[in-house]
Protein backbone atom coordinates (compact mmCIF):
# COMPACT_ATOMS: atom_id res chain seq x y z
CA UNK A 1 49.65 -53.97 -106.60
CA UNK A 2 48.09 -55.04 -103.37
CA UNK A 3 44.53 -56.45 -103.18
CA UNK A 4 41.80 -54.09 -101.90
CA UNK A 5 40.72 -54.91 -98.23
CA UNK A 6 37.61 -56.86 -97.88
CA UNK A 7 34.42 -54.90 -97.08
CA UNK A 8 31.29 -56.25 -95.55
CA UNK A 9 28.31 -54.97 -97.41
CA UNK A 10 24.78 -55.19 -95.99
CA UNK A 11 21.60 -54.89 -98.07
CA UNK A 12 19.06 -52.71 -96.18
CA UNK A 13 15.35 -53.08 -96.79
CA UNK A 14 13.75 -50.13 -98.40
CA UNK A 15 12.10 -48.93 -101.44
CA UNK A 16 8.57 -49.74 -102.74
CA UNK A 17 6.56 -52.67 -101.52
CA UNK A 18 4.80 -55.03 -103.91
CA UNK A 19 1.51 -53.08 -103.76
CA UNK A 20 3.04 -49.66 -104.10
CA UNK A 21 2.62 -47.95 -107.47
CA UNK A 22 5.73 -47.14 -109.48
CA UNK A 23 7.11 -43.61 -109.15
CA UNK A 24 7.95 -43.03 -112.70
CA UNK A 25 11.73 -43.11 -112.93
CA UNK A 26 14.51 -44.93 -111.01
CA UNK A 27 17.19 -43.02 -109.12
CA UNK A 28 20.31 -42.35 -111.23
CA UNK A 29 23.41 -44.16 -110.16
CA UNK A 30 25.10 -40.94 -109.20
CA UNK A 31 22.64 -40.51 -106.34
CA UNK A 32 23.40 -43.83 -104.76
CA UNK A 33 26.31 -44.35 -102.51
CA UNK A 34 27.78 -47.41 -100.70
CA UNK A 35 28.40 -46.84 -97.04
CA UNK A 36 30.77 -49.47 -95.66
CA UNK A 37 29.27 -51.39 -92.80
CA UNK A 38 30.54 -54.03 -90.39
CA UNK A 39 32.15 -53.47 -87.05
CA UNK A 40 34.18 -50.37 -88.14
CA UNK A 41 31.34 -48.63 -90.05
CA UNK A 42 30.19 -45.34 -88.62
CA UNK A 43 26.44 -46.01 -88.46
CA UNK A 44 25.55 -42.65 -86.82
CA UNK A 45 27.33 -40.60 -89.46
CA UNK A 46 25.55 -42.65 -92.25
CA UNK A 47 22.16 -42.04 -90.57
CA UNK A 48 22.85 -38.26 -90.15
CA UNK A 49 23.93 -38.04 -93.83
CA UNK A 50 20.75 -39.83 -94.93
CA UNK A 51 18.53 -37.52 -92.79
CA UNK A 52 20.19 -34.45 -94.24
CA UNK A 53 19.71 -35.75 -97.75
CA UNK A 54 16.04 -36.45 -96.97
CA UNK A 55 15.55 -32.95 -95.63
CA UNK A 56 17.14 -31.43 -98.73
CA UNK A 57 14.82 -33.56 -100.96
CA UNK A 58 11.79 -32.37 -98.94
CA UNK A 59 12.79 -28.77 -99.38
CA UNK A 60 13.19 -29.20 -103.05
CA UNK A 61 9.72 -30.83 -103.27
CA UNK A 62 8.16 -28.13 -101.23
CA UNK A 63 9.79 -25.45 -103.36
CA UNK A 64 8.57 -27.11 -106.58
CA UNK A 65 4.99 -27.33 -105.13
CA UNK A 66 5.03 -23.71 -103.99
CA UNK A 67 6.28 -22.59 -107.48
CA UNK A 68 3.63 -24.64 -109.25
CA UNK A 69 0.88 -23.21 -106.93
CA UNK A 70 2.16 -19.65 -107.63
CA UNK A 71 2.19 -20.21 -111.43
CA UNK A 72 -1.37 -21.72 -111.16
CA UNK A 73 -2.89 -18.79 -109.33
């Protein structure tokens, strides 16, 4: 069995700052994904995927807010 090729992993800054209040619950592991970096990594595709995920999350949040407002009134 051959050894797996070495991958260069980079830690990106993000998340809450020291003064930010906690959000309540951490993200489940299934939502997190490692995107290989280094010279061969496709940074543009990773950025586009992240933007699409953020847009979906925003739509879900807006839908929840709209539903709660409808239920309230």
